[in-house]
N, C-alpha and C. Protein backbone atom coordinates (compact mmCIF):
# COMPACT_ATOMS: atom_id res chain seq x y z
N MET A 1 94.78 139.12 118.39
CA MET A 1 95.63 140.28 118.66
C MET A 1 96.87 139.84 119.45
N LYS A 2 98.03 140.14 118.89
CA LYS A 2 99.29 139.79 119.53
C LYS A 2 99.98 141.07 120.00
N ILE A 3 100.42 141.07 121.25
CA ILE A 3 101.05 142.25 121.84
C ILE A 3 102.45 141.86 122.31
N THR A 4 103.46 142.55 121.77
CA THR A 4 104.85 142.28 122.10
C THR A 4 105.43 143.45 122.88
N PHE A 5 106.19 143.14 123.92
CA PHE A 5 106.82 144.17 124.75
C PHE A 5 108.27 144.37 124.29
N TYR A 6 108.59 145.60 123.89
CA TYR A 6 109.93 145.92 123.42
C TYR A 6 110.73 146.73 124.43
N GLY A 7 110.30 146.71 125.67
CA GLY A 7 111.02 147.43 126.72
C GLY A 7 110.44 148.81 126.97
N HIS A 8 110.60 149.28 128.21
CA HIS A 8 110.11 150.59 128.66
C HIS A 8 108.62 150.72 128.36
N ALA A 9 108.23 151.60 127.44
CA ALA A 9 106.81 151.74 127.09
C ALA A 9 106.58 151.41 125.63
N SER A 10 107.49 150.63 125.04
CA SER A 10 107.41 150.31 123.62
C SER A 10 106.69 148.98 123.42
N LEU A 11 105.74 149.01 122.50
CA LEU A 11 104.92 147.83 122.23
C LEU A 11 104.78 147.59 120.74
N GLY A 12 104.63 146.33 120.38
CA GLY A 12 104.19 145.97 119.05
C GLY A 12 102.83 145.31 119.15
N ILE A 13 101.91 145.71 118.30
CA ILE A 13 100.57 145.13 118.31
C ILE A 13 100.26 144.65 116.91
N GLN A 14 99.91 143.40 116.80
CA GLN A 14 99.52 142.85 115.50
C GLN A 14 98.04 142.53 115.53
N VAL A 15 97.31 143.16 114.62
CA VAL A 15 95.87 142.93 114.48
C VAL A 15 95.64 142.43 113.06
N ASN A 16 95.31 141.15 112.94
CA ASN A 16 95.24 140.51 111.63
C ASN A 16 96.58 140.71 110.93
N ASP A 17 96.59 141.38 109.77
CA ASP A 17 97.84 141.57 109.03
C ASP A 17 98.43 142.96 109.23
N VAL A 18 97.89 143.72 110.16
CA VAL A 18 98.36 145.09 110.38
C VAL A 18 99.30 145.13 111.58
N ASN A 19 100.42 145.81 111.41
CA ASN A 19 101.42 145.93 112.48
C ASN A 19 101.48 147.35 113.01
N ILE A 20 101.37 147.46 114.31
CA ILE A 20 101.33 148.75 114.99
C ILE A 20 102.45 148.79 116.01
N LEU A 21 103.20 149.87 116.03
CA LEU A 21 104.17 150.11 117.09
C LEU A 21 103.66 151.23 117.98
N VAL A 22 103.95 151.14 119.26
CA VAL A 22 103.56 152.18 120.21
C VAL A 22 104.81 152.70 120.90
N ASP A 23 105.01 154.01 120.85
CA ASP A 23 106.09 154.70 121.59
C ASP A 23 107.44 154.00 121.46
N PRO A 24 107.97 153.89 120.24
CA PRO A 24 109.21 153.14 120.06
C PRO A 24 110.45 153.86 120.61
N PHE A 25 110.91 153.40 121.74
CA PHE A 25 112.18 153.81 122.35
C PHE A 25 112.95 152.52 122.60
N ILE A 26 113.73 152.13 121.61
CA ILE A 26 114.37 150.81 121.64
C ILE A 26 115.88 150.94 121.48
N SER A 27 116.32 151.67 120.45
CA SER A 27 117.76 151.77 120.18
C SER A 27 118.50 152.47 121.31
N GLY A 28 117.81 153.30 122.09
CA GLY A 28 118.44 154.01 123.19
C GLY A 28 118.30 153.32 124.53
N ASN A 29 117.71 152.14 124.53
CA ASN A 29 117.48 151.39 125.77
C ASN A 29 118.44 150.21 125.84
N PRO A 30 119.47 150.28 126.67
CA PRO A 30 120.44 149.18 126.74
C PRO A 30 119.80 147.83 127.06
N LYS A 31 118.69 147.84 127.79
CA LYS A 31 118.02 146.58 128.13
C LYS A 31 117.36 145.93 126.93
N ALA A 32 117.19 146.71 125.84
CA ALA A 32 116.56 146.19 124.63
C ALA A 32 117.56 146.06 123.48
N SER A 33 118.83 145.87 123.81
CA SER A 33 119.88 145.85 122.80
C SER A 33 119.74 144.67 121.83
N HIS A 34 119.00 143.66 122.22
CA HIS A 34 118.80 142.50 121.35
C HIS A 34 117.65 142.68 120.37
N ILE A 35 116.97 143.83 120.44
CA ILE A 35 115.89 144.13 119.50
C ILE A 35 116.43 145.03 118.39
N ASP A 36 116.35 144.59 117.15
CA ASP A 36 116.84 145.33 116.00
C ASP A 36 115.68 146.11 115.38
N ILE A 37 115.73 147.43 115.49
CA ILE A 37 114.60 148.22 114.98
C ILE A 37 114.47 148.11 113.47
N ASP A 38 115.54 147.74 112.79
CA ASP A 38 115.47 147.61 111.34
C ASP A 38 114.72 146.35 110.90
N GLN A 39 114.41 145.50 111.85
CA GLN A 39 113.66 144.28 111.55
C GLN A 39 112.18 144.39 111.93
N LEU A 40 111.82 145.50 112.58
CA LEU A 40 110.44 145.65 113.04
C LEU A 40 109.53 146.10 111.91
N LYS A 41 108.36 145.49 111.86
CA LYS A 41 107.34 145.89 110.88
C LYS A 41 106.44 146.95 111.49
N ALA A 42 106.01 147.89 110.68
CA ALA A 42 105.11 148.93 111.19
C ALA A 42 104.28 149.51 110.06
N ASP A 43 102.97 149.42 110.22
CA ASP A 43 102.05 150.13 109.33
C ASP A 43 101.59 151.43 109.97
N TYR A 44 101.56 151.43 111.31
CA TYR A 44 101.20 152.61 112.10
C TYR A 44 102.13 152.71 113.29
N ILE A 45 102.39 153.94 113.72
CA ILE A 45 103.13 154.17 114.96
C ILE A 45 102.28 155.09 115.82
N LEU A 46 101.83 154.57 116.95
CA LEU A 46 101.03 155.36 117.89
C LEU A 46 101.96 155.99 118.92
N VAL A 47 101.80 157.29 119.13
CA VAL A 47 102.67 158.03 120.05
C VAL A 47 101.82 158.71 121.11
N THR A 48 102.08 158.40 122.38
CA THR A 48 101.27 158.96 123.46
C THR A 48 101.68 160.39 123.82
N HIS A 49 103.00 160.66 123.74
CA HIS A 49 103.49 162.02 124.03
C HIS A 49 104.91 162.14 123.48
N ALA A 50 105.49 163.34 123.62
CA ALA A 50 106.67 163.69 122.85
C ALA A 50 108.00 163.38 123.51
N HIS A 51 108.02 162.95 124.75
CA HIS A 51 109.29 162.72 125.42
C HIS A 51 110.16 161.73 124.66
N GLN A 52 111.48 161.92 124.75
CA GLN A 52 112.42 161.12 123.97
C GLN A 52 112.29 159.62 124.24
N ASP A 53 111.96 159.27 125.49
CA ASP A 53 111.84 157.85 125.80
C ASP A 53 110.54 157.24 125.28
N HIS A 54 109.88 157.98 124.38
CA HIS A 54 108.68 157.47 123.70
C HIS A 54 108.73 157.73 122.20
N THR A 55 109.66 158.58 121.77
CA THR A 55 109.69 158.98 120.35
C THR A 55 111.03 158.73 119.66
N LEU A 56 112.02 158.24 120.38
CA LEU A 56 113.39 158.18 119.85
C LEU A 56 113.47 157.53 118.47
N ASP A 57 112.79 156.41 118.27
CA ASP A 57 112.93 155.65 117.03
C ASP A 57 111.80 155.86 116.03
N VAL A 58 110.93 156.82 116.31
CA VAL A 58 109.79 157.05 115.41
C VAL A 58 110.26 157.40 114.01
N GLU A 59 111.16 158.39 113.90
CA GLU A 59 111.59 158.87 112.58
C GLU A 59 112.24 157.76 111.76
N ALA A 60 113.18 157.04 112.37
CA ALA A 60 113.90 156.00 111.63
C ALA A 60 112.97 154.90 111.15
N ILE A 61 112.07 154.46 112.03
CA ILE A 61 111.17 153.36 111.66
C ILE A 61 110.14 153.82 110.63
N ALA A 62 109.58 155.01 110.84
CA ALA A 62 108.56 155.51 109.92
C ALA A 62 109.12 155.73 108.52
N LYS A 63 110.34 156.26 108.43
CA LYS A 63 110.92 156.50 107.10
C LYS A 63 111.28 155.20 106.40
N ARG A 64 111.65 154.18 107.16
CA ARG A 64 111.98 152.89 106.55
C ARG A 64 110.74 152.14 106.11
N THR A 65 109.69 152.20 106.92
CA THR A 65 108.50 151.37 106.67
C THR A 65 107.36 152.12 105.98
N GLY A 66 107.40 153.45 106.02
CA GLY A 66 106.27 154.22 105.51
C GLY A 66 105.09 154.26 106.47
N ALA A 67 105.35 153.93 107.74
CA ALA A 67 104.27 153.90 108.74
C ALA A 67 103.65 155.27 108.93
N ILE A 68 102.37 155.27 109.26
CA ILE A 68 101.63 156.49 109.56
C ILE A 68 101.70 156.74 111.06
N VAL A 69 102.10 157.94 111.45
CA VAL A 69 102.17 158.30 112.86
C VAL A 69 100.80 158.79 113.32
N VAL A 70 100.30 158.20 114.39
CA VAL A 70 99.01 158.58 114.96
C VAL A 70 99.27 159.17 116.34
N SER A 71 98.86 160.42 116.53
CA SER A 71 99.08 161.07 117.82
C SER A 71 98.29 162.37 117.84
N ASN A 72 98.61 163.22 118.82
CA ASN A 72 97.94 164.51 118.85
C ASN A 72 98.42 165.40 117.71
N PHE A 73 97.75 166.52 117.50
CA PHE A 73 98.02 167.39 116.35
C PHE A 73 99.46 167.89 116.36
N GLU A 74 99.97 168.28 117.52
CA GLU A 74 101.31 168.84 117.60
C GLU A 74 102.39 167.82 117.26
N ILE A 75 102.24 166.60 117.78
CA ILE A 75 103.23 165.57 117.50
C ILE A 75 103.20 165.16 116.03
N VAL A 76 102.02 165.00 115.48
CA VAL A 76 101.91 164.65 114.06
C VAL A 76 102.51 165.76 113.19
N SER A 77 102.23 167.01 113.54
CA SER A 77 102.79 168.13 112.77
C SER A 77 104.31 168.14 112.81
N TYR A 78 104.87 167.81 113.96
CA TYR A 78 106.33 167.75 114.13
C TYR A 78 106.93 166.72 113.17
N PHE A 79 106.33 165.55 113.11
CA PHE A 79 106.88 164.50 112.25
C PHE A 79 106.56 164.72 110.78
N GLU A 80 105.44 165.39 110.49
CA GLU A 80 105.14 165.71 109.09
C GLU A 80 106.19 166.63 108.50
N LYS A 81 106.75 167.51 109.32
CA LYS A 81 107.83 168.41 108.84
C LYS A 81 109.09 167.62 108.50
N LEU A 82 109.19 166.41 109.00
CA LEU A 82 110.33 165.54 108.69
C LEU A 82 110.03 164.62 107.52
N GLY A 83 108.88 164.84 106.89
CA GLY A 83 108.52 164.05 105.72
C GLY A 83 107.79 162.75 106.04
N ILE A 84 107.21 162.67 107.24
CA ILE A 84 106.52 161.45 107.68
C ILE A 84 105.02 161.68 107.64
N GLU A 85 104.30 160.72 107.11
CA GLU A 85 102.83 160.82 107.04
C GLU A 85 102.24 160.64 108.43
N GLY A 86 101.21 161.42 108.72
CA GLY A 86 100.58 161.30 110.03
C GLY A 86 99.07 161.39 109.99
N HIS A 87 98.47 160.93 111.06
CA HIS A 87 97.03 161.08 111.26
C HIS A 87 96.84 161.78 112.60
N PRO A 88 96.48 163.08 112.60
CA PRO A 88 96.33 163.80 113.86
C PRO A 88 95.02 163.47 114.55
N MET A 89 95.08 163.40 115.89
CA MET A 89 93.89 163.22 116.70
C MET A 89 93.95 164.19 117.87
N ASN A 90 92.90 164.23 118.65
CA ASN A 90 92.95 164.96 119.90
C ASN A 90 92.00 164.30 120.89
N HIS A 91 92.07 164.74 122.12
CA HIS A 91 91.39 164.05 123.23
C HIS A 91 89.89 163.93 122.99
N GLY A 92 89.40 162.71 123.19
CA GLY A 92 87.98 162.44 123.00
C GLY A 92 87.63 162.04 121.59
N GLY A 93 88.59 162.22 120.67
CA GLY A 93 88.33 161.90 119.28
C GLY A 93 88.50 160.42 118.99
N THR A 94 87.72 159.92 118.01
CA THR A 94 87.74 158.52 117.62
C THR A 94 87.90 158.42 116.11
N TRP A 95 88.63 157.41 115.65
CA TRP A 95 88.77 157.18 114.21
C TRP A 95 88.76 155.69 113.94
N ASP A 96 88.11 155.31 112.85
CA ASP A 96 88.02 153.92 112.44
C ASP A 96 89.13 153.64 111.43
N PHE A 97 90.23 153.03 111.90
CA PHE A 97 91.33 152.65 111.02
C PHE A 97 91.07 151.27 110.44
N ASP A 98 91.95 150.83 109.54
CA ASP A 98 91.74 149.52 108.92
C ASP A 98 91.98 148.37 109.90
N PHE A 99 92.58 148.65 111.06
CA PHE A 99 92.81 147.59 112.05
C PHE A 99 91.82 147.66 113.20
N GLY A 100 91.01 148.73 113.27
CA GLY A 100 90.05 148.87 114.35
C GLY A 100 89.80 150.32 114.72
N ILE A 101 89.03 150.50 115.75
CA ILE A 101 88.65 151.84 116.20
C ILE A 101 89.61 152.30 117.28
N VAL A 102 90.10 153.53 117.14
CA VAL A 102 91.03 154.11 118.10
C VAL A 102 90.42 155.38 118.70
N LYS A 103 90.48 155.47 120.01
CA LYS A 103 90.06 156.69 120.70
C LYS A 103 91.25 157.25 121.47
N TYR A 104 91.47 158.54 121.33
CA TYR A 104 92.56 159.22 122.03
C TYR A 104 92.00 159.79 123.33
N VAL A 105 92.53 159.31 124.46
CA VAL A 105 91.95 159.66 125.76
C VAL A 105 92.96 160.41 126.63
N ASN A 106 92.47 160.97 127.70
CA ASN A 106 93.28 161.82 128.55
C ASN A 106 94.39 161.07 129.28
N ALA A 107 95.49 161.77 129.50
CA ALA A 107 96.56 161.32 130.39
C ALA A 107 97.07 162.57 131.11
N ILE A 108 97.58 162.38 132.31
CA ILE A 108 98.15 163.51 133.06
C ILE A 108 99.66 163.31 133.15
N HIS A 109 100.38 164.16 132.43
CA HIS A 109 101.83 164.05 132.35
C HIS A 109 102.33 165.35 131.72
N THR A 110 103.57 165.38 131.25
CA THR A 110 104.07 166.51 130.47
C THR A 110 104.45 165.99 129.09
N SER A 111 104.78 166.91 128.17
CA SER A 111 105.05 166.48 126.81
C SER A 111 105.84 167.54 126.06
N SER A 112 107.10 167.24 125.78
CA SER A 112 107.92 168.12 124.95
C SER A 112 108.98 167.26 124.27
N PHE A 113 109.39 167.69 123.07
CA PHE A 113 110.44 166.99 122.33
C PHE A 113 111.80 167.33 122.92
N PRO A 114 112.81 166.52 122.66
CA PRO A 114 114.15 166.78 123.19
C PRO A 114 114.70 168.15 122.82
N ASP A 115 114.28 168.69 121.66
CA ASP A 115 114.76 170.01 121.26
C ASP A 115 113.97 171.15 121.89
N GLY A 116 113.04 170.80 122.78
CA GLY A 116 112.24 171.80 123.47
C GLY A 116 110.93 172.14 122.79
N SER A 117 110.68 171.58 121.61
CA SER A 117 109.43 171.84 120.90
C SER A 117 108.24 171.34 121.71
N TYR A 118 107.14 172.09 121.59
CA TYR A 118 105.91 171.73 122.31
C TYR A 118 105.33 170.45 121.73
N GLY A 119 105.02 169.50 122.61
CA GLY A 119 104.48 168.22 122.17
C GLY A 119 103.00 168.06 122.39
N GLY A 120 102.29 169.18 122.63
CA GLY A 120 100.86 169.07 122.88
C GLY A 120 100.58 168.40 124.21
N GLN A 121 99.34 168.05 124.43
CA GLN A 121 98.95 167.40 125.68
C GLN A 121 99.07 165.88 125.53
N PRO A 122 99.60 165.21 126.55
CA PRO A 122 99.77 163.75 126.46
C PRO A 122 98.43 163.03 126.46
N GLY A 123 98.45 161.80 125.98
CA GLY A 123 97.21 161.02 125.94
C GLY A 123 97.48 159.54 126.03
N GLY A 124 96.41 158.79 125.94
CA GLY A 124 96.47 157.34 125.85
C GLY A 124 95.55 156.90 124.73
N PHE A 125 95.47 155.59 124.50
CA PHE A 125 94.66 155.08 123.41
C PHE A 125 93.78 153.92 123.89
N VAL A 126 92.53 153.95 123.48
CA VAL A 126 91.65 152.79 123.59
C VAL A 126 91.51 152.23 122.19
N ILE A 127 91.85 150.95 122.03
CA ILE A 127 91.81 150.32 120.71
C ILE A 127 90.82 149.17 120.74
N GLU A 128 89.90 149.19 119.78
CA GLU A 128 88.96 148.09 119.60
C GLU A 128 89.27 147.44 118.27
N GLY A 129 89.88 146.24 118.32
CA GLY A 129 90.26 145.58 117.08
C GLY A 129 90.26 144.08 117.22
N GLU A 130 89.84 143.38 116.16
CA GLU A 130 89.83 141.92 116.13
C GLU A 130 89.02 141.36 117.30
N HIS A 131 87.93 142.03 117.65
CA HIS A 131 87.03 141.62 118.72
C HIS A 131 87.69 141.63 120.09
N LYS A 132 88.80 142.37 120.22
CA LYS A 132 89.48 142.54 121.50
C LYS A 132 89.68 144.03 121.74
N ASN A 133 89.53 144.43 123.00
CA ASN A 133 89.62 145.85 123.34
C ASN A 133 90.73 146.07 124.37
N ILE A 134 91.63 147.01 124.09
CA ILE A 134 92.72 147.28 125.00
C ILE A 134 92.82 148.78 125.28
N TYR A 135 93.38 149.08 126.43
CA TYR A 135 93.64 150.46 126.83
C TYR A 135 95.13 150.62 127.05
N ILE A 136 95.75 151.53 126.32
CA ILE A 136 97.16 151.87 126.50
C ILE A 136 97.19 153.23 127.19
N ALA A 137 97.58 153.24 128.46
CA ALA A 137 97.43 154.45 129.26
C ALA A 137 98.46 155.52 128.93
N GLY A 138 99.61 155.14 128.38
CA GLY A 138 100.69 156.10 128.21
C GLY A 138 101.27 156.47 129.57
N ASP A 139 102.07 157.51 129.59
CA ASP A 139 102.62 158.00 130.86
C ASP A 139 101.55 158.85 131.53
N THR A 140 101.09 158.42 132.69
CA THR A 140 100.01 159.16 133.32
C THR A 140 99.96 158.93 134.82
N ALA A 141 99.44 159.90 135.50
CA ALA A 141 99.01 159.72 136.88
C ALA A 141 97.66 159.00 136.88
N LEU A 142 97.28 158.52 138.03
CA LEU A 142 95.92 158.03 138.20
C LEU A 142 94.97 159.21 138.01
N THR A 143 93.97 159.02 137.19
CA THR A 143 93.02 160.10 136.92
C THR A 143 91.59 159.58 136.89
N TYR A 144 90.70 160.37 137.40
CA TYR A 144 89.29 159.98 137.45
C TYR A 144 88.70 159.81 136.05
N ASP A 145 89.32 160.42 135.03
CA ASP A 145 88.84 160.28 133.66
C ASP A 145 88.85 158.82 133.22
N MET A 146 89.69 158.01 133.85
CA MET A 146 89.73 156.59 133.48
C MET A 146 88.39 155.91 133.69
N LYS A 147 87.59 156.45 134.61
CA LYS A 147 86.28 155.85 134.88
C LYS A 147 85.33 155.97 133.70
N LEU A 148 85.63 156.87 132.76
CA LEU A 148 84.78 157.04 131.59
C LEU A 148 84.95 155.88 130.60
N ILE A 149 86.11 155.26 130.61
CA ILE A 149 86.41 154.25 129.59
C ILE A 149 85.43 153.08 129.62
N PRO A 150 85.19 152.44 130.77
CA PRO A 150 84.27 151.29 130.75
C PRO A 150 82.82 151.65 130.51
N LEU A 151 82.47 152.92 130.53
CA LEU A 151 81.11 153.32 130.18
C LEU A 151 80.83 153.08 128.70
N GLN A 152 81.91 153.02 127.90
CA GLN A 152 81.76 152.82 126.46
C GLN A 152 82.40 151.54 125.95
N THR A 153 83.44 151.08 126.64
CA THR A 153 84.23 149.95 126.12
C THR A 153 84.51 148.94 127.21
N LYS A 154 84.19 147.69 126.96
CA LYS A 154 84.55 146.60 127.88
C LYS A 154 85.95 146.12 127.50
N LEU A 155 86.91 146.35 128.38
CA LEU A 155 88.30 146.06 128.07
C LEU A 155 88.65 144.59 128.31
N ASP A 156 89.53 144.07 127.44
CA ASP A 156 90.12 142.75 127.64
C ASP A 156 91.50 142.86 128.28
N LEU A 157 92.13 144.04 128.18
CA LEU A 157 93.46 144.25 128.74
C LEU A 157 93.69 145.73 128.96
N ALA A 158 94.29 146.05 130.12
CA ALA A 158 94.73 147.42 130.40
C ALA A 158 96.26 147.41 130.47
N ILE A 159 96.89 148.28 129.71
CA ILE A 159 98.35 148.41 129.71
C ILE A 159 98.69 149.68 130.47
N LEU A 160 99.28 149.49 131.67
CA LEU A 160 99.42 150.60 132.61
C LEU A 160 100.87 150.80 133.02
N PRO A 161 101.31 152.06 133.16
CA PRO A 161 102.64 152.32 133.71
C PRO A 161 102.66 151.99 135.19
N ILE A 162 103.77 151.39 135.66
CA ILE A 162 103.81 150.95 137.06
C ILE A 162 105.12 151.34 137.76
N GLY A 163 105.98 152.09 137.09
CA GLY A 163 107.30 152.36 137.62
C GLY A 163 107.39 153.43 138.68
N ASP A 164 106.29 154.19 138.87
CA ASP A 164 106.26 155.27 139.87
C ASP A 164 107.21 156.41 139.49
N ASN A 165 107.33 157.39 140.36
CA ASN A 165 108.17 158.58 140.21
C ASN A 165 107.71 159.50 139.07
N PHE A 166 107.71 159.01 137.82
CA PHE A 166 107.27 159.81 136.68
C PHE A 166 105.83 159.52 136.30
N THR A 167 105.29 158.41 136.78
CA THR A 167 103.93 157.97 136.43
C THR A 167 103.29 157.34 137.66
N MET A 168 102.19 156.69 137.46
CA MET A 168 101.59 155.89 138.52
C MET A 168 102.58 154.83 139.00
N GLY A 169 102.44 154.46 140.27
CA GLY A 169 103.13 153.29 140.79
C GLY A 169 102.17 152.13 140.91
N ILE A 170 102.59 151.10 141.59
CA ILE A 170 101.80 149.87 141.70
C ILE A 170 100.44 150.12 142.34
N ASP A 171 100.42 150.82 143.47
CA ASP A 171 99.15 151.00 144.19
C ASP A 171 98.15 151.79 143.37
N ASP A 172 98.63 152.84 142.70
CA ASP A 172 97.71 153.61 141.86
C ASP A 172 97.29 152.82 140.62
N ALA A 173 98.17 151.97 140.11
CA ALA A 173 97.80 151.15 138.96
C ALA A 173 96.69 150.16 139.33
N ILE A 174 96.72 149.67 140.56
CA ILE A 174 95.63 148.80 141.02
C ILE A 174 94.31 149.56 141.02
N LEU A 175 94.34 150.79 141.51
CA LEU A 175 93.14 151.62 141.47
C LEU A 175 92.72 151.91 140.03
N ALA A 176 93.70 152.15 139.17
CA ALA A 176 93.38 152.41 137.77
C ALA A 176 92.67 151.22 137.14
N SER A 177 93.10 150.02 137.49
CA SER A 177 92.44 148.83 136.94
C SER A 177 90.99 148.73 137.43
N ASP A 178 90.75 149.21 138.66
CA ASP A 178 89.36 149.32 139.14
C ASP A 178 88.59 150.33 138.30
N PHE A 179 89.21 151.50 138.08
CA PHE A 179 88.54 152.58 137.35
C PHE A 179 88.14 152.14 135.94
N VAL A 180 89.03 151.38 135.28
CA VAL A 180 88.74 150.97 133.89
C VAL A 180 88.04 149.62 133.82
N ALA A 181 87.76 149.05 135.01
CA ALA A 181 87.01 147.79 135.11
C ALA A 181 87.68 146.66 134.34
N CYS A 182 88.99 146.53 134.55
CA CYS A 182 89.73 145.46 133.88
C CYS A 182 90.77 144.90 134.84
N ASP A 183 90.64 143.63 135.17
CA ASP A 183 91.54 143.00 136.13
C ASP A 183 92.75 142.35 135.48
N LYS A 184 92.82 142.38 134.17
CA LYS A 184 93.97 141.83 133.45
C LYS A 184 94.85 142.98 133.01
N VAL A 185 96.05 143.08 133.58
CA VAL A 185 96.91 144.25 133.38
C VAL A 185 98.28 143.81 132.86
N LEU A 186 98.74 144.51 131.84
CA LEU A 186 100.12 144.39 131.39
C LEU A 186 100.86 145.62 131.89
N GLY A 187 101.87 145.40 132.71
CA GLY A 187 102.63 146.52 133.24
C GLY A 187 103.72 146.96 132.27
N TYR A 188 103.93 148.27 132.20
CA TYR A 188 105.06 148.79 131.43
C TYR A 188 105.57 150.08 132.05
N HIS A 189 106.60 150.65 131.44
CA HIS A 189 107.28 151.83 131.98
C HIS A 189 107.85 151.54 133.38
N PHE A 190 108.72 150.52 133.42
CA PHE A 190 109.36 150.14 134.67
C PHE A 190 110.75 149.57 134.36
N ASP A 191 111.66 149.69 135.32
CA ASP A 191 112.99 149.05 135.31
C ASP A 191 113.99 149.62 134.32
N THR A 192 113.60 150.56 133.45
CA THR A 192 114.52 151.05 132.43
C THR A 192 115.72 151.76 133.03
N PHE A 193 115.48 152.53 134.07
CA PHE A 193 116.55 153.24 134.78
C PHE A 193 116.16 153.33 136.25
N GLY A 194 117.10 153.82 137.06
CA GLY A 194 116.97 153.72 138.51
C GLY A 194 115.69 154.26 139.11
N TYR A 195 115.20 155.38 138.60
CA TYR A 195 114.02 156.01 139.18
C TYR A 195 112.78 155.11 139.13
N ILE A 196 112.75 154.18 138.18
CA ILE A 196 111.52 153.42 137.97
C ILE A 196 111.72 151.91 138.14
N GLU A 197 112.75 151.52 138.86
CA GLU A 197 112.94 150.10 139.14
C GLU A 197 111.92 149.63 140.16
N ILE A 198 111.41 148.42 139.96
CA ILE A 198 110.39 147.88 140.86
C ILE A 198 110.78 146.48 141.33
N ASP A 199 110.16 146.05 142.39
CA ASP A 199 110.29 144.67 142.87
C ASP A 199 109.16 143.87 142.22
N HIS A 200 109.50 142.99 141.30
CA HIS A 200 108.50 142.26 140.53
C HIS A 200 107.61 141.39 141.42
N LYS A 201 108.21 140.72 142.37
CA LYS A 201 107.43 139.83 143.24
C LYS A 201 106.41 140.62 144.06
N VAL A 202 106.86 141.74 144.61
CA VAL A 202 105.95 142.58 145.41
C VAL A 202 104.81 143.09 144.54
N ALA A 203 105.15 143.56 143.34
CA ALA A 203 104.13 144.11 142.44
C ALA A 203 103.08 143.07 142.10
N LYS A 204 103.54 141.88 141.71
CA LYS A 204 102.59 140.83 141.34
C LYS A 204 101.74 140.39 142.53
N HIS A 205 102.35 140.35 143.70
CA HIS A 205 101.61 139.93 144.88
C HIS A 205 100.52 140.94 145.24
N LYS A 206 100.84 142.22 145.12
CA LYS A 206 99.83 143.25 145.43
C LYS A 206 98.63 143.12 144.50
N PHE A 207 98.87 142.86 143.22
CA PHE A 207 97.76 142.66 142.29
C PHE A 207 97.00 141.38 142.64
N PHE A 208 97.75 140.33 142.96
CA PHE A 208 97.13 139.04 143.30
C PHE A 208 96.21 139.18 144.51
N GLU A 209 96.65 139.96 145.50
CA GLU A 209 95.84 140.17 146.70
C GLU A 209 94.50 140.82 146.37
N LYS A 210 94.45 141.57 145.30
CA LYS A 210 93.21 142.23 144.87
C LYS A 210 92.49 141.43 143.80
N GLU A 211 92.90 140.17 143.64
CA GLU A 211 92.30 139.25 142.67
C GLU A 211 92.44 139.79 141.24
N LYS A 212 93.64 140.32 140.96
CA LYS A 212 93.95 140.85 139.64
C LYS A 212 95.21 140.16 139.12
N ASP A 213 95.39 140.20 137.81
CA ASP A 213 96.53 139.55 137.16
C ASP A 213 97.44 140.61 136.57
N LEU A 214 98.65 140.73 137.11
CA LEU A 214 99.66 141.64 136.57
C LEU A 214 100.68 140.83 135.78
N MET A 215 100.81 141.13 134.50
CA MET A 215 101.80 140.47 133.65
C MET A 215 102.99 141.39 133.44
N LEU A 216 104.18 140.85 133.66
CA LEU A 216 105.42 141.58 133.43
C LEU A 216 106.24 140.76 132.43
N LEU A 217 106.25 141.19 131.19
CA LEU A 217 106.90 140.43 130.13
C LEU A 217 108.39 140.73 130.06
N GLU A 218 109.15 139.74 129.66
CA GLU A 218 110.54 139.98 129.29
C GLU A 218 110.55 140.78 127.98
N ILE A 219 111.62 141.55 127.76
CA ILE A 219 111.70 142.33 126.53
C ILE A 219 111.79 141.37 125.34
N GLY A 220 110.87 141.53 124.41
CA GLY A 220 110.73 140.60 123.30
C GLY A 220 109.64 139.57 123.53
N GLY A 221 109.14 139.48 124.76
CA GLY A 221 108.05 138.56 125.06
C GLY A 221 106.72 139.08 124.56
N PHE A 222 105.75 138.19 124.44
CA PHE A 222 104.45 138.61 123.91
C PHE A 222 103.32 137.83 124.56
N ILE A 223 102.13 138.38 124.40
CA ILE A 223 100.90 137.71 124.79
C ILE A 223 99.95 137.76 123.60
N GLU A 224 98.97 136.87 123.61
CA GLU A 224 97.94 136.88 122.57
C GLU A 224 96.59 136.92 123.24
N LEU A 225 95.73 137.78 122.73
CA LEU A 225 94.37 137.91 123.26
C LEU A 225 93.39 137.24 122.33
């Protein structure tokens, strides 16, 4: 499993020959200007919630690639009206896709499209694929529901927002890693704009003090599990 960071909360995940994008907000992010969305492969696009900084490039990429949008019922319905194929899910639901098993889990945040349309309730994803298990938290506060995840799934990686203000910050992300029983964390949703800028050295040191590994990738950087 290869995971690429495209800036903000945008990810590419490759599982065998299947390409998955998560929350593509790339063309509107000046820090990701070197990433060409027309070159990205996508068989599926996973969307945690409807905010523009998570959905901006969904339509363009899905129409070019034929990718299937996976999200809550309201978000999938929104994109289906634009002629995009979708797979609707809701909280607690699980589906066995060709790349692995996906569970849509709780997140605490808000969710609406830029035009004011209701985006349903936000969520995150637990993905079990290629013998590796990851948790993509989406935009969320620290929530006790995270403790349910390790009761069913032993995680190899937790992908957590760390920018604070709109989501968890560093200290809560450390607690979240305890809740999900995973000490290997990929941080995202940070540095895109002023409200969520972080001190990288301080963040990594705080995780290190708790005997945890916080990875902060450059945009376009990747890890392999």
